[in-house]
Amino acid sequence: MPVLCVGLGNPGEQFSKTRHNAGFIFIDLLASYLGVNSWQEKFNGMVSAANHEQLGKIIFLKPQTTMNLSGRSVAACLNFFKLFPKDLIVFHDELELPLGVYKIKHSGGHGGHNGVRDIHNAIGTNEYRRIRIGIDRPPKDSPQNAVVNYVLSKFSDAEHQEIENIFKKFIQQINSIFL
């Protein structure tokens, strides 16, 4: 059975290297690692696929609906490929984890993440896997709107390297995560 890997983020060049787009960054790295070099527009997103000798078919999706409306794209892709929520892995940014850390979560709440909340609502369940990619929090003494500004700010070169280090750790465990 194929696996659908969804990276969450916001479309557009202005968001390309922002913390909120950690899911897109991670999916791009994973797809590239598995030999994907072309994407097509479908399901209100960008889609591609790869065949892995041990993992089988992996479908990649980057919703282009904006982060907070990702669910419609995910639901359309799941329906088209006749996949179940158990076949879904969502990669997204996580404020509650330090930069350089990722955690695997099976089911559970959305934790205030609007993209994850929209997926829950669109597919009618929270019974799918998530890879939470740590982006850290803004400093505690930041202004009230600091979280929005922070997640929409770009990673520094050093921070982007940390995201790539997370990816390298993830690849070392890829078989146990996907199977």
C-alpha atoms as a PDB file:
ATOM      1  CA  MET A   1       0.000   0.000   0.000  1.00  0.00           C
ATOM      2  CA  PRO A   2       1.401   3.434  -0.879  1.00  0.00           C
ATOM      3  CA  VAL A   3       2.230   6.013   1.781  1.00  0.00           C
ATOM      4  CA  LEU A   4       1.202   9.656   1.401  1.00  0.00           C
ATOM      5  CA  CYS A   5       3.795  12.073   2.800  1.00  0.00           C
ATOM      6  CA  VAL A   6       2.469  15.605   3.172  1.00  0.00           C
ATOM      7  CA  GLY A   7       4.651  18.586   3.934  1.00  0.00           C
ATOM      8  CA  LEU A   8       2.843  21.596   5.387  1.00  0.00           C
ATOM      9  CA  GLY A   9       3.746  25.132   4.465  1.00  0.00           C
ATOM     10  CA  ASN A  10       2.599  28.244   2.672  1.00  0.00           C
ATOM     11  CA  PRO A  11       2.986  28.565  -1.106  1.00  0.00           C
ATOM     12  CA  GLY A  12       5.001  31.385  -2.635  1.00  0.00           C
ATOM     13  CA  GLU A  13       8.604  32.471  -2.773  1.00  0.00           C
ATOM     14  CA  GLN A  14       8.175  34.887   0.163  1.00  0.00           C
ATOM     15  CA  PHE A  15       7.548  31.878   2.464  1.00  0.00           C
ATOM     16  CA  SER A  16      10.070  29.463   0.941  1.00  0.00           C
ATOM     17  CA  LYS A  17      12.615  29.399   3.768  1.00  0.00           C
ATOM     18  CA  THR A  18      10.442  30.339   6.711  1.00  0.00           C
ATOM     19  CA  ARG A  19      10.044  28.348   9.903  1.00  0.00           C
ATOM     20  CA  HIS A  20       6.373  27.706   9.113  1.00  0.00           C
ATOM     21  CA  ASN A  21       7.502  25.968   5.917  1.00  0.00           C
ATOM     22  CA  ALA A  22       9.635  23.370   7.709  1.00  0.00           C
ATOM     23  CA  GLY A  23       7.227  20.711   6.382  1.00  0.00           C
ATOM     24  CA  PHE A  24       7.800  21.806   2.770  1.00  0.00           C
ATOM     25  CA  ILE A  25      11.565  21.929   3.339  1.00  0.00           C
ATOM     26  CA  PHE A  26      11.565  18.450   4.851  1.00  0.00           C
ATOM     27  CA  ILE A  27       9.407  16.951   2.084  1.00  0.00           C
ATOM     28  CA  ASP A  28      11.668  18.504  -0.562  1.00  0.00           C
ATOM     29  CA  LEU A  29      14.719  16.955   1.115  1.00  0.00           C
ATOM     30  CA  LEU A  30      13.030  13.550   1.452  1.00  0.00           C
ATOM     31  CA  ALA A  31      11.748  13.563  -2.124  1.00  0.00           C
ATOM     32  CA  SER A  32      15.168  14.565  -3.427  1.00  0.00           C
ATOM     33  CA  TYR A  33      16.832  11.841  -1.344  1.00  0.00           C
ATOM     34  CA  LEU A  34      14.468   9.293  -2.945  1.00  0.00           C
ATOM     35  CA  GLY A  35      15.223  10.555  -6.469  1.00  0.00           C
ATOM     36  CA  VAL A  36      12.213  12.780  -7.154  1.00  0.00           C
ATOM     37  CA  ASN A  37      13.027  15.592  -9.535  1.00  0.00           C
ATOM     38  CA  SER A  38       9.669  16.638 -10.957  1.00  0.00           C
ATOM     39  CA  TRP A  39       6.380  17.743  -9.463  1.00  0.00           C
ATOM     40  CA  GLN A  40       2.958  18.307 -11.007  1.00  0.00           C
ATOM     41  CA  GLU A  41      -0.027  20.400  -9.945  1.00  0.00           C
ATOM     42  CA  LYS A  42      -2.907  18.284  -8.679  1.00  0.00           C
ATOM     43  CA  PHE A  43      -5.255  18.185  -5.659  1.00  0.00           C
ATOM     44  CA  ASN A  44      -4.681  21.912  -4.969  1.00  0.00           C
ATOM     45  CA  GLY A  45      -1.048  21.037  -4.397  1.00  0.00           C
ATOM     46  CA  MET A  46       2.219  19.898  -5.869  1.00  0.00           C
ATOM     47  CA  VAL A  47       2.469  16.108  -6.156  1.00  0.00           C
ATOM     48  CA  SER A  48       5.194  13.628  -6.964  1.00  0.00           C
ATOM     49  CA  ALA A  49       5.990   9.995  -6.240  1.00  0.00           C
ATOM     50  CA  ALA A  50       8.911   7.646  -5.777  1.00  0.00           C
ATOM     51  CA  ASN A  51       9.331   3.904  -5.507  1.00  0.00           C
ATOM     52  CA  HIS A  52      11.606   2.678  -2.756  1.00  0.00           C
ATOM     53  CA  GLU A  53      12.790  -0.943  -2.851  1.00  0.00           C
ATOM     54  CA  GLN A  54      11.882  -1.562   0.807  1.00  0.00           C
ATOM     55  CA  LEU A  55       9.199   1.024   1.476  1.00  0.00           C
ATOM     56  CA  GLY A  56       7.236   0.710  -1.755  1.00  0.00           C
ATOM     57  CA  LYS A  57       5.449   3.640  -3.381  1.00  0.00           C
ATOM     58  CA  ILE A  58       5.671   6.993  -1.612  1.00  0.00           C
ATOM     59  CA  ILE A  59       3.459   9.837  -2.783  1.00  0.00           C
ATOM     60  CA  PHE A  60       4.540  13.371  -1.875  1.00  0.00           C
ATOM     61  CA  LEU A  61       2.148  16.291  -1.511  1.00  0.00           C
ATOM     62  CA  LYS A  62       2.767  19.960  -0.781  1.00  0.00           C
ATOM     63  CA  PRO A  63      -0.665  21.648  -0.470  1.00  0.00           C
ATOM     64  CA  GLN A  64      -0.782  25.023  -2.209  1.00  0.00           C
ATOM     65  CA  THR A  65      -3.923  26.230  -0.406  1.00  0.00           C
ATOM     66  CA  THR A  66      -2.072  28.041   2.414  1.00  0.00           C
ATOM     67  CA  MET A  67      -1.168  26.294   5.614  1.00  0.00           C
ATOM     68  CA  ASN A  68      -4.508  26.772   7.350  1.00  0.00           C
ATOM     69  CA  LEU A  69      -6.505  25.155   4.510  1.00  0.00           C
ATOM     70  CA  SER A  70      -4.259  22.130   3.894  1.00  0.00           C
ATOM     71  CA  GLY A  71      -7.006  19.617   4.670  1.00  0.00           C
ATOM     72  CA  ARG A  72      -8.860  19.903   1.364  1.00  0.00           C
ATOM     73  CA  SER A  73      -5.707  19.065  -0.574  1.00  0.00           C
ATOM     74  CA  VAL A  74      -4.852  16.128   1.701  1.00  0.00           C
ATOM     75  CA  ALA A  75      -8.402  14.738   1.575  1.00  0.00           C
ATOM     76  CA  ALA A  76      -8.506  14.973  -2.230  1.00  0.00           C
ATOM     77  CA  CYS A  77      -5.187  13.127  -2.558  1.00  0.00           C
ATOM     78  CA  LEU A  78      -6.178  10.409  -0.075  1.00  0.00           C
ATOM     79  CA  ASN A  79      -9.473   9.884  -1.916  1.00  0.00           C
ATOM     80  CA  PHE A  80      -7.896   9.780  -5.377  1.00  0.00           C
ATOM     81  CA  PHE A  81      -5.351   7.111  -4.383  1.00  0.00           C
ATOM     82  CA  LYS A  82      -7.924   5.265  -2.209  1.00  0.00           C
ATOM     83  CA  LEU A  83      -5.686   5.590   0.841  1.00  0.00           C
ATOM     84  CA  PHE A  84      -6.668   5.524   4.491  1.00  0.00           C
ATOM     85  CA  PRO A  85      -5.558   7.885   7.270  1.00  0.00           C
ATOM     86  CA  LYS A  86      -3.191   5.145   8.511  1.00  0.00           C
ATOM     87  CA  ASP A  87      -1.333   5.590   5.173  1.00  0.00           C
ATOM     88  CA  LEU A  88      -0.760   9.306   5.854  1.00  0.00           C
ATOM     89  CA  ILE A  89       2.337  10.962   7.336  1.00  0.00           C
ATOM     90  CA  VAL A  90       2.209  14.742   7.818  1.00  0.00           C
ATOM     91  CA  PHE A  91       5.431  16.739   8.283  1.00  0.00           C
ATOM     92  CA  HIS A  92       4.981  20.101  10.011  1.00  0.00           C
ATOM     93  CA  ASP A  93       6.698  22.773  12.083  1.00  0.00           C
ATOM     94  CA  GLU A  94       6.468  22.544  15.861  1.00  0.00           C
ATOM     95  CA  LEU A  95       6.987  25.500  18.216  1.00  0.00           C
ATOM     96  CA  GLU A  96       7.106  23.239  21.272  1.00  0.00           C
ATOM     97  CA  LEU A  97      10.256  21.431  20.130  1.00  0.00           C
ATOM     98  CA  PRO A  98      13.729  22.935  20.046  1.00  0.00           C
ATOM     99  CA  LEU A  99      15.364  23.514  16.693  1.00  0.00           C
ATOM    100  CA  GLY A 100      17.266  20.374  15.752  1.00  0.00           C
ATOM    101  CA  VAL A 101      14.707  17.936  17.175  1.00  0.00           C
ATOM    102  CA  TYR A 102      11.922  15.974  15.518  1.00  0.00           C
ATOM    103  CA  LYS A 103       9.307  13.738  17.085  1.00  0.00           C
ATOM    104  CA  ILE A 104       6.969  11.159  15.636  1.00  0.00           C
ATOM    105  CA  LYS A 105       3.384  11.345  16.812  1.00  0.00           C
ATOM    106  CA  HIS A 106       0.664   8.787  16.144  1.00  0.00           C
ATOM    107  CA  SER A 107      -2.782  10.390  16.333  1.00  0.00           C
ATOM    108  CA  GLY A 108      -3.582  12.962  19.008  1.00  0.00           C
ATOM    109  CA  GLY A 109      -4.644  16.575  19.038  1.00  0.00           C
ATOM    110  CA  HIS A 110      -3.551  19.335  16.718  1.00  0.00           C
ATOM    111  CA  GLY A 111      -1.706  21.247  19.459  1.00  0.00           C
ATOM    112  CA  GLY A 112      -2.957  24.586  18.126  1.00  0.00           C
ATOM    113  CA  HIS A 113      -1.444  24.000  14.673  1.00  0.00           C
ATOM    114  CA  ASN A 114      -4.035  25.295  12.204  1.00  0.00           C
ATOM    115  CA  GLY A 115      -2.793  23.217   9.271  1.00  0.00           C
ATOM    116  CA  VAL A 116      -3.043  20.018  11.307  1.00  0.00           C
ATOM    117  CA  ARG A 117      -6.441  21.116  12.648  1.00  0.00           C
ATOM    118  CA  ASP A 118      -7.708  21.556   9.079  1.00  0.00           C
ATOM    119  CA  ILE A 119      -6.473  18.089   8.100  1.00  0.00           C
ATOM    120  CA  HIS A 120      -8.238  16.584  11.142  1.00  0.00           C
ATOM    121  CA  ASN A 121     -11.477  18.290  10.060  1.00  0.00           C
ATOM    122  CA  ALA A 122     -11.156  17.428   6.361  1.00  0.00           C
ATOM    123  CA  ILE A 123     -10.432  13.716   6.788  1.00  0.00           C
ATOM    124  CA  GLY A 124     -12.594  13.272   9.883  1.00  0.00           C
ATOM    125  CA  THR A 125      -9.949  11.758  12.136  1.00  0.00           C
ATOM    126  CA  ASN A 126      -6.660  12.370  13.910  1.00  0.00           C
ATOM    127  CA  GLU A 127      -5.539   8.753  13.405  1.00  0.00           C
ATOM    128  CA  TYR A 128      -2.489   9.353  11.220  1.00  0.00           C
ATOM    129  CA  ARG A 129       1.227   9.817  11.771  1.00  0.00           C
ATOM    130  CA  ARG A 130       2.900  13.190  12.134  1.00  0.00           C
ATOM    131  CA  ILE A 131       6.527  14.189  12.061  1.00  0.00           C
ATOM    132  CA  ARG A 132       6.810  17.292  14.244  1.00  0.00           C
ATOM    133  CA  ILE A 133       9.869  19.333  13.217  1.00  0.00           C
ATOM    134  CA  GLY A 134      11.207  21.588  15.971  1.00  0.00           C
ATOM    135  CA  ILE A 135      11.486  25.271  15.127  1.00  0.00           C
ATOM    136  CA  ASP A 136      11.705  26.501  18.759  1.00  0.00           C
ATOM    137  CA  ARG A 137       9.762  29.433  20.205  1.00  0.00           C
ATOM    138  CA  PRO A 138      10.479  33.150  20.060  1.00  0.00           C
ATOM    139  CA  PRO A 139      12.049  34.581  23.220  1.00  0.00           C
ATOM    140  CA  LYS A 140       9.604  34.943  26.146  1.00  0.00           C
ATOM    141  CA  ASP A 141      10.082  38.728  26.296  1.00  0.00           C
ATOM    142  CA  SER A 142       8.923  39.154  22.668  1.00  0.00           C
ATOM    143  CA  PRO A 143       5.892  41.306  21.771  1.00  0.00           C
ATOM    144  CA  GLN A 144       2.412  39.762  21.746  1.00  0.00           C
ATOM    145  CA  ASN A 145       2.362  39.061  17.990  1.00  0.00           C
ATOM    146  CA  ALA A 146       5.815  37.493  18.161  1.00  0.00           C
ATOM    147  CA  VAL A 147       4.680  33.928  17.359  1.00  0.00           C
ATOM    148  CA  VAL A 148       3.110  34.918  14.025  1.00  0.00           C
ATOM    149  CA  ASN A 149       6.129  37.021  13.071  1.00  0.00           C
ATOM    150  CA  TYR A 150       8.489  34.299  14.259  1.00  0.00           C
ATOM    151  CA  VAL A 151       6.962  31.398  12.309  1.00  0.00           C
ATOM    152  CA  LEU A 152       6.842  33.562   9.170  1.00  0.00           C
ATOM    153  CA  SER A 153      10.480  34.652   9.547  1.00  0.00           C
ATOM    154  CA  LYS A 154      13.205  32.982   7.522  1.00  0.00           C
ATOM    155  CA  PHE A 155      15.655  30.481   8.955  1.00  0.00           C
ATOM    156  CA  SER A 156      19.200  31.744   9.264  1.00  0.00           C
ATOM    157  CA  ASP A 157      21.798  29.752   7.317  1.00  0.00           C
ATOM    158  CA  ALA A 158      22.843  28.001  10.560  1.00  0.00           C
ATOM    159  CA  GLU A 159      19.224  27.164  11.404  1.00  0.00           C
ATOM    160  CA  HIS A 160      18.609  25.837   7.903  1.00  0.00           C
ATOM    161  CA  GLN A 161      21.639  23.593   8.413  1.00  0.00           C
ATOM    162  CA  GLU A 162      20.010  22.339  11.648  1.00  0.00           C
ATOM    163  CA  ILE A 163      16.880  21.395   9.658  1.00  0.00           C
ATOM    164  CA  GLU A 164      19.100  19.438   7.264  1.00  0.00           C
ATOM    165  CA  ASN A 165      20.714  17.727  10.290  1.00  0.00           C
ATOM    166  CA  ILE A 166      17.227  16.722  11.504  1.00  0.00           C
ATOM    167  CA  PHE A 167      16.610  15.268   8.069  1.00  0.00           C
ATOM    168  CA  LYS A 168      19.821  13.238   8.229  1.00  0.00           C
ATOM    169  CA  LYS A 169      18.739  11.786  11.600  1.00  0.00           C
ATOM    170  CA  PHE A 170      15.335  11.009  10.116  1.00  0.00           C
ATOM    171  CA  ILE A 171      16.838   9.179   7.110  1.00  0.00           C
ATOM    172  CA  GLN A 172      18.785   6.923   9.459  1.00  0.00           C
ATOM    173  CA  GLN A 173      15.444   5.712  10.854  1.00  0.00           C
ATOM    174  CA  ILE A 174      13.347   5.847   7.671  1.00  0.00           C
ATOM    175  CA  ASN A 175      12.516   2.145   7.495  1.00  0.00           C
ATOM    176  CA  SER A 176      11.197   2.000  11.064  1.00  0.00           C
ATOM    177  CA  ILE A 177       9.138   5.163  10.564  1.00  0.00           C
ATOM    178  CA  PHE A 178       7.470   4.137   7.311  1.00  0.00           C
ATOM    179  CA  LEU A 179       6.889   0.464   7.965  1.00  0.00           C
END
